[in-house]
Amino acid sequence: MAPRVLILSASVGTGHLRAAEAVELALREVLPEAAVRNVDVLRLATAPFRRCYGQMYLDLIEWAPAFLGYIYNLMDRPSTSESHHWYQLRVALERMSLRPLLHLLES
């Protein structure tokens, strides 16, 4: 049975998409029999989520990179009861906004 490979990236700047394309090309060379699928997860998201996630990320990179770094550092810390509530809210919003992605992953 040929391997199946799913590459996921997000169109929040060209770096993510180019990296996913490079991985796809390398896999097709190394495993020509593999079924490789490259998906931009934001194309599967609701329009408000796509706008908020995609554009907000680019805006933060340009206008507030230190704040974006702070957010990433917060997300890497062990959870507290307060941060757990924010995590649950984020996961619920992502599940609602990314249902087509969840269906893709289940299939």
Foldseek 3Di string as FASTA:
>chain_A
DAAEEEAEFAPQDVPRVVVLVVVVVVCCVVRVRYHYHYDHQLVQFDPVCSCCVRVVVNCCVPPPVVVVVVVVVVVPDDDDPVVVVVVVVVVVVCCVGRVVVVVVVVD
